[in-house]
Amino acid sequence: MEELNRFNEVCDALERGEIRVAEKKDGEWVVNTWIKETILEGFRYGKMTDMSEGRFPFFDKDTLAPRRFGHSDGVRIVPGGSAVRRGAFLAPSVIMMPPSYVNIGAYVDSGSMIDSHALVGSCAQVGRNVHIAAASQLGGVLEPVGALPVIIEDNVFIGGNCGIYEGTLVRENAVIATGVVLNASTALYDAVNGAFIRAGEGGRLIVPENAVVVAGSRPVRKGPGAAEGIQIYTPVIIKYRDSGTDASVALESLLRD
């Protein structure tokens, strides 16, 4: 079938890093909608099949088998239950700690670490030297096909138990502290400049370059909630990255050798 052949060709090219779901052009991120459309075709035309291994039963569409790596790929996948779906790119020197998962269409660049229980969702784009700490999630964005996926630029540190969803863009060198959740409806408060950052054009929240973001809250100002002292979750930029921040989030170089 022509559609399946096209799907397989696109997945192969994604795995080689020759194409990607989203890329930077003239300083702006753009989505390649035709790749998303082709990935969705793979779901549509795939047939359920038994992918069980040993004592562990797995059933999925035959078009979406787990990706197989070889020694020459240069990717460290530490034993313990991690998986990468086909159509995902992991650059040489990427490290996956167990168990973690990378979904179809995702792109993870060199020097990045995906820690235990972390998820890189469908089509998420991860730059160089990014640390995704334990139990954090990058949401998948397959539909609508024109929507940008979650994008994490180079040298970003994402602490444990974070959630980044709905096409949020985290600019270079940002630090997302433990437990922060960001999505299109999140109001991010910049305590350095005294202003809220909200989703703009395309419904996308953008975390500024070098921002250090921690979990926070603000009080409800009106209605019964105000009288009860109810707070609304509001992550806060407490500062912009400096040498002290760099030291506190530095990854142990020995882990990358």
Protein backbone atom coordinates (compact mmCIF):
# COMPACT_ATOMS: atom_id res chain seq x y z
CA MET A 1 0.00 0.00 0.00
CA GLU A 2 1.38 3.38 -1.03
CA GLU A 3 0.45 5.06 2.28
CA LEU A 4 2.28 2.44 4.34
CA ASN A 5 5.36 2.65 2.14
CA ARG A 6 5.39 6.41 2.62
CA PHE A 7 4.96 5.99 6.37
CA ASN A 8 7.89 3.57 6.57
CA GLU A 9 10.11 5.87 4.50
CA VAL A 10 9.27 8.85 6.70
CA CYS A 11 9.92 6.88 9.91
CA ASP A 12 13.28 5.71 8.58
CA ALA A 13 14.24 9.30 7.72
CA LEU A 14 13.09 10.50 11.17
CA GLU A 15 15.22 7.85 12.87
CA ARG A 16 18.27 8.93 10.88
CA GLY A 17 17.66 12.58 11.81
CA GLU A 18 17.35 13.58 8.15
CA ILE A 19 13.94 15.17 8.75
CA ARG A 20 12.16 16.31 11.90
CA VAL A 21 8.64 17.29 12.88
CA ALA A 22 9.66 20.83 13.83
CA GLU A 23 12.75 22.86 13.00
CA LYS A 24 14.11 26.37 13.36
CA LYS A 25 13.98 28.55 10.25
CA ASP A 26 15.17 32.17 10.37
CA GLY A 27 15.12 32.01 14.16
CA GLU A 28 11.53 30.75 14.43
CA TRP A 29 10.24 27.25 15.05
CA VAL A 30 7.96 25.86 12.33
CA VAL A 31 6.13 22.55 12.13
CA ASN A 32 6.39 20.25 9.12
CA THR A 33 2.73 19.30 8.96
CA TRP A 34 3.24 16.69 6.24
CA ILE A 35 5.34 14.60 8.64
CA LYS A 36 2.62 14.66 11.29
CA GLU A 37 0.04 13.69 8.66
CA THR A 38 2.17 10.74 7.60
CA ILE A 39 2.63 9.58 11.21
CA LEU A 40 -1.14 9.63 11.71
CA GLU A 41 -1.49 7.45 8.62
CA GLY A 42 0.64 4.85 10.36
CA PHE A 43 -1.88 4.68 13.20
CA ARG A 44 -4.75 4.45 10.75
CA TYR A 45 -3.38 1.63 8.60
CA GLY A 46 -1.60 -0.42 11.26
CA LYS A 47 -3.05 -3.71 12.49
CA MET A 48 -2.93 -5.00 16.04
CA THR A 49 -0.19 -7.51 16.55
CA ASP A 50 1.47 -9.46 19.37
CA MET A 51 4.80 -7.83 20.28
CA SER A 52 5.31 -9.79 23.49
CA GLU A 53 8.83 -10.44 24.70
CA GLY A 54 9.47 -13.22 27.21
CA ARG A 55 6.97 -13.12 30.06
CA PHE A 56 5.80 -9.59 29.26
CA PRO A 57 2.78 -9.20 26.94
CA PHE A 58 2.68 -6.23 24.55
CA PHE A 59 0.10 -5.53 21.83
CA ASP A 60 0.20 -2.59 19.44
CA LYS A 61 -0.23 -1.59 15.81
CA ASP A 62 2.28 -3.41 13.59
CA THR A 63 3.34 -0.06 12.11
CA LEU A 64 4.48 1.20 15.52
CA ALA A 65 6.97 -1.38 16.69
CA PRO A 66 9.69 -0.46 19.21
CA ARG A 67 12.82 0.91 17.61
CA ARG A 68 15.91 -1.34 17.66
CA PHE A 69 19.32 0.15 18.37
CA GLY A 70 22.76 -1.17 17.63
CA HIS A 71 26.14 -0.46 19.22
CA SER A 72 27.03 1.80 16.29
CA ASP A 73 24.12 4.15 17.13
CA GLY A 74 26.06 5.37 20.16
CA VAL A 75 22.97 5.67 22.36
CA ARG A 76 23.23 4.48 25.97
CA ILE A 77 20.03 2.68 26.93
CA VAL A 78 20.63 1.40 30.45
CA PRO A 79 18.92 -1.97 31.16
CA GLY A 80 15.67 -1.82 33.06
CA GLY A 81 12.60 -1.39 30.87
CA SER A 82 13.08 1.69 28.67
CA ALA A 83 11.61 1.84 25.17
CA VAL A 84 11.75 4.00 22.06
CA ARG A 85 8.98 3.86 19.49
CA ARG A 86 9.92 3.78 15.85
CA GLY A 87 10.16 7.09 14.04
CA ALA A 88 12.03 8.75 16.93
CA PHE A 89 15.56 10.13 16.66
CA LEU A 90 18.14 9.81 19.44
CA ALA A 91 21.53 11.30 18.66
CA PRO A 92 24.78 9.55 19.58
CA SER A 93 25.69 10.21 23.25
CA VAL A 94 22.05 10.40 24.41
CA ILE A 95 21.49 8.52 27.68
CA MET A 96 18.24 6.80 28.71
CA MET A 97 17.94 5.72 32.34
CA PRO A 98 15.42 2.99 33.16
CA PRO A 99 12.54 3.00 32.80
CA SER A 100 11.89 5.84 30.37
CA TYR A 101 10.05 6.23 27.08
CA VAL A 102 10.43 8.17 23.84
CA ASN A 103 7.44 8.31 21.49
CA ILE A 104 7.15 8.50 17.70
CA GLY A 105 8.29 11.69 15.96
CA ALA A 106 10.40 12.84 18.92
CA TYR A 107 13.88 14.28 18.40
CA VAL A 108 16.52 14.14 21.15
CA ASP A 109 19.83 15.80 20.33
CA SER A 110 23.36 14.93 21.46
CA GLY A 111 24.48 14.98 25.07
CA SER A 112 20.95 14.86 26.50
CA MET A 113 19.87 12.63 29.37
CA ILE A 114 16.40 11.15 29.84
CA ASP A 115 16.20 10.09 33.46
CA SER A 116 14.19 7.32 35.13
CA HIS A 117 10.40 7.37 34.65
CA ALA A 118 10.67 10.30 32.23
CA LEU A 119 8.56 10.60 29.08
CA VAL A 120 9.40 12.33 25.81
CA GLY A 121 6.02 12.56 24.12
CA SER A 122 5.15 12.22 20.45
CA CYS A 123 6.90 14.79 18.24
CA ALA A 124 8.59 16.57 21.20
CA GLN A 125 11.84 18.27 20.20
CA VAL A 126 14.76 18.19 22.65
CA GLY A 127 17.99 20.10 22.04
CA ARG A 128 21.61 19.42 22.96
CA ASN A 129 22.77 18.84 26.53
CA VAL A 130 19.29 18.81 28.01
CA HIS A 131 18.64 17.00 31.29
CA ILE A 132 15.11 15.65 31.75
CA ALA A 133 15.10 14.55 35.38
CA ALA A 134 13.23 11.65 36.94
CA ALA A 135 9.46 11.38 36.45
CA SER A 136 9.19 14.45 34.21
CA GLN A 137 6.98 14.52 31.14
CA LEU A 138 7.13 16.31 27.81
CA GLY A 139 3.62 16.08 26.40
CA GLY A 140 2.92 14.71 22.95
CA VAL A 141 1.31 16.93 20.29
CA LEU A 142 0.24 14.98 17.19
CA GLU A 143 -3.04 16.77 16.57
CA PRO A 144 -3.90 19.25 15.25
CA VAL A 145 -1.19 18.66 12.64
CA GLY A 146 -0.38 22.37 12.42
CA ALA A 147 0.32 22.74 16.14
CA LEU A 148 3.91 23.01 17.29
CA PRO A 149 5.00 20.23 19.64
CA VAL A 150 6.69 20.74 22.99
CA ILE A 151 10.14 22.18 22.26
CA ILE A 152 13.08 22.21 24.66
CA GLU A 153 16.06 24.13 23.32
CA ASP A 154 19.76 23.54 24.07
CA ASN A 155 21.24 23.36 27.58
CA VAL A 156 17.91 23.31 29.42
CA PHE A 157 17.66 21.64 32.82
CA ILE A 158 14.26 20.14 33.72
CA GLY A 159 13.96 19.05 37.35
CA GLY A 160 12.12 16.02 38.67
CA ASN A 161 8.34 15.62 38.43
CA CYS A 162 7.88 18.44 35.95
CA GLY A 163 5.21 18.49 33.25
CA ILE A 164 5.60 20.50 30.04
CA TYR A 165 2.61 20.27 27.72
CA GLU A 166 0.58 21.73 24.83
CA GLY A 167 3.37 23.05 22.65
CA THR A 168 5.22 24.98 25.36
CA LEU A 169 8.57 26.31 24.14
CA VAL A 170 11.45 26.43 26.63
CA ARG A 171 14.27 28.63 25.34
CA GLU A 172 18.00 27.92 25.66
CA ASN A 173 19.69 27.60 29.07
CA ALA A 174 16.44 27.80 31.06
CA VAL A 175 16.13 25.92 34.35
CA ILE A 176 12.77 24.39 35.27
CA ALA A 177 12.82 23.50 38.96
CA THR A 178 11.30 20.39 40.50
CA GLY A 179 7.53 20.08 40.27
CA VAL A 180 6.83 22.88 37.79
CA VAL A 181 3.95 22.34 35.34
CA LEU A 182 3.69 24.46 32.18
CA ASN A 183 0.98 24.45 29.53
CA ALA A 184 -0.91 26.79 27.23
CA SER A 185 -3.17 28.08 30.02
CA THR A 186 -0.37 28.66 32.54
CA ALA A 187 0.30 32.24 33.62
CA LEU A 188 4.05 32.45 34.24
CA TYR A 189 5.10 35.35 36.48
CA ASP A 190 8.45 37.03 35.83
CA ALA A 191 9.45 38.30 39.28
CA VAL A 192 12.58 39.92 37.85
CA ASN A 193 10.70 42.19 35.45
CA GLY A 194 7.37 42.32 37.27
CA ALA A 195 5.12 40.98 34.50
CA PHE A 196 3.07 37.94 33.58
CA ILE A 197 4.02 35.82 30.58
CA ARG A 198 1.04 34.13 28.95
CA ALA A 199 0.46 32.09 25.81
CA GLY A 200 0.66 34.27 22.74
CA GLU A 201 0.14 33.68 19.06
CA GLY A 202 -0.81 30.08 18.36
CA GLY A 203 -1.67 29.47 22.02
CA ARG A 204 1.96 28.73 22.89
CA LEU A 205 3.64 29.58 26.20
CA ILE A 206 7.30 30.60 25.78
CA VAL A 207 9.76 30.37 28.68
CA PRO A 208 12.51 32.98 28.11
CA GLU A 209 16.16 32.15 27.59
CA ASN A 210 18.13 31.68 30.86
CA ALA A 211 14.96 31.85 33.00
CA VAL A 212 15.00 29.98 36.31
CA VAL A 213 11.43 28.85 36.98
CA VAL A 214 10.10 27.53 40.30
CA ALA A 215 6.63 26.45 41.42
CA GLY A 216 4.54 29.19 43.04
CA SER A 217 1.03 30.54 43.56
CA ARG A 218 -0.97 33.75 43.72
CA PRO A 219 -4.12 34.53 45.73
CA VAL A 220 -7.60 34.62 44.27
CA ARG A 221 -8.65 38.28 44.34
CA LYS A 222 -12.42 38.06 43.88
CA GLY A 223 -15.39 35.95 44.93
CA PRO A 224 -15.73 33.30 47.65
CA GLY A 225 -12.26 31.96 46.94
CA ALA A 226 -10.68 35.23 48.06
CA ALA A 227 -12.38 35.03 51.46
CA GLU A 228 -11.19 31.44 51.88
CA GLY A 229 -7.60 32.30 51.01
CA ILE A 230 -7.57 30.13 47.90
CA GLN A 231 -4.41 30.24 45.79
CA ILE A 232 -3.96 29.70 42.02
CA TYR A 233 -0.94 27.77 40.82
CA THR A 234 1.52 30.21 39.22
CA PRO A 235 5.10 29.26 38.33
CA VAL A 236 7.57 32.07 38.93
CA ILE A 237 10.78 33.18 37.20
CA ILE A 238 12.84 33.99 40.28
CA LYS A 239 15.99 35.00 38.38
CA TYR A 240 17.92 34.55 35.18
CA ARG A 241 20.70 32.02 34.96
CA ASP A 242 24.14 32.94 36.28
CA SER A 243 27.35 31.13 37.24
CA GLY A 244 25.84 30.02 40.55
CA THR A 245 22.90 28.43 38.77
CA ASP A 246 25.25 26.71 36.34
CA ALA A 247 27.09 25.08 39.21
CA SER A 248 23.91 23.83 40.89
CA VAL A 249 22.51 22.14 37.78
CA ALA A 250 25.77 20.87 36.24
CA LEU A 251 25.59 17.25 35.17
CA GLU A 252 28.36 14.98 36.37
CA SER A 253 30.68 14.71 33.37
CA LEU A 254 31.66 11.16 34.28
CA LEU A 255 28.11 10.02 33.54
CA ARG A 256 28.49 11.18 29.95
CA ASP A 257 31.81 9.49 29.17
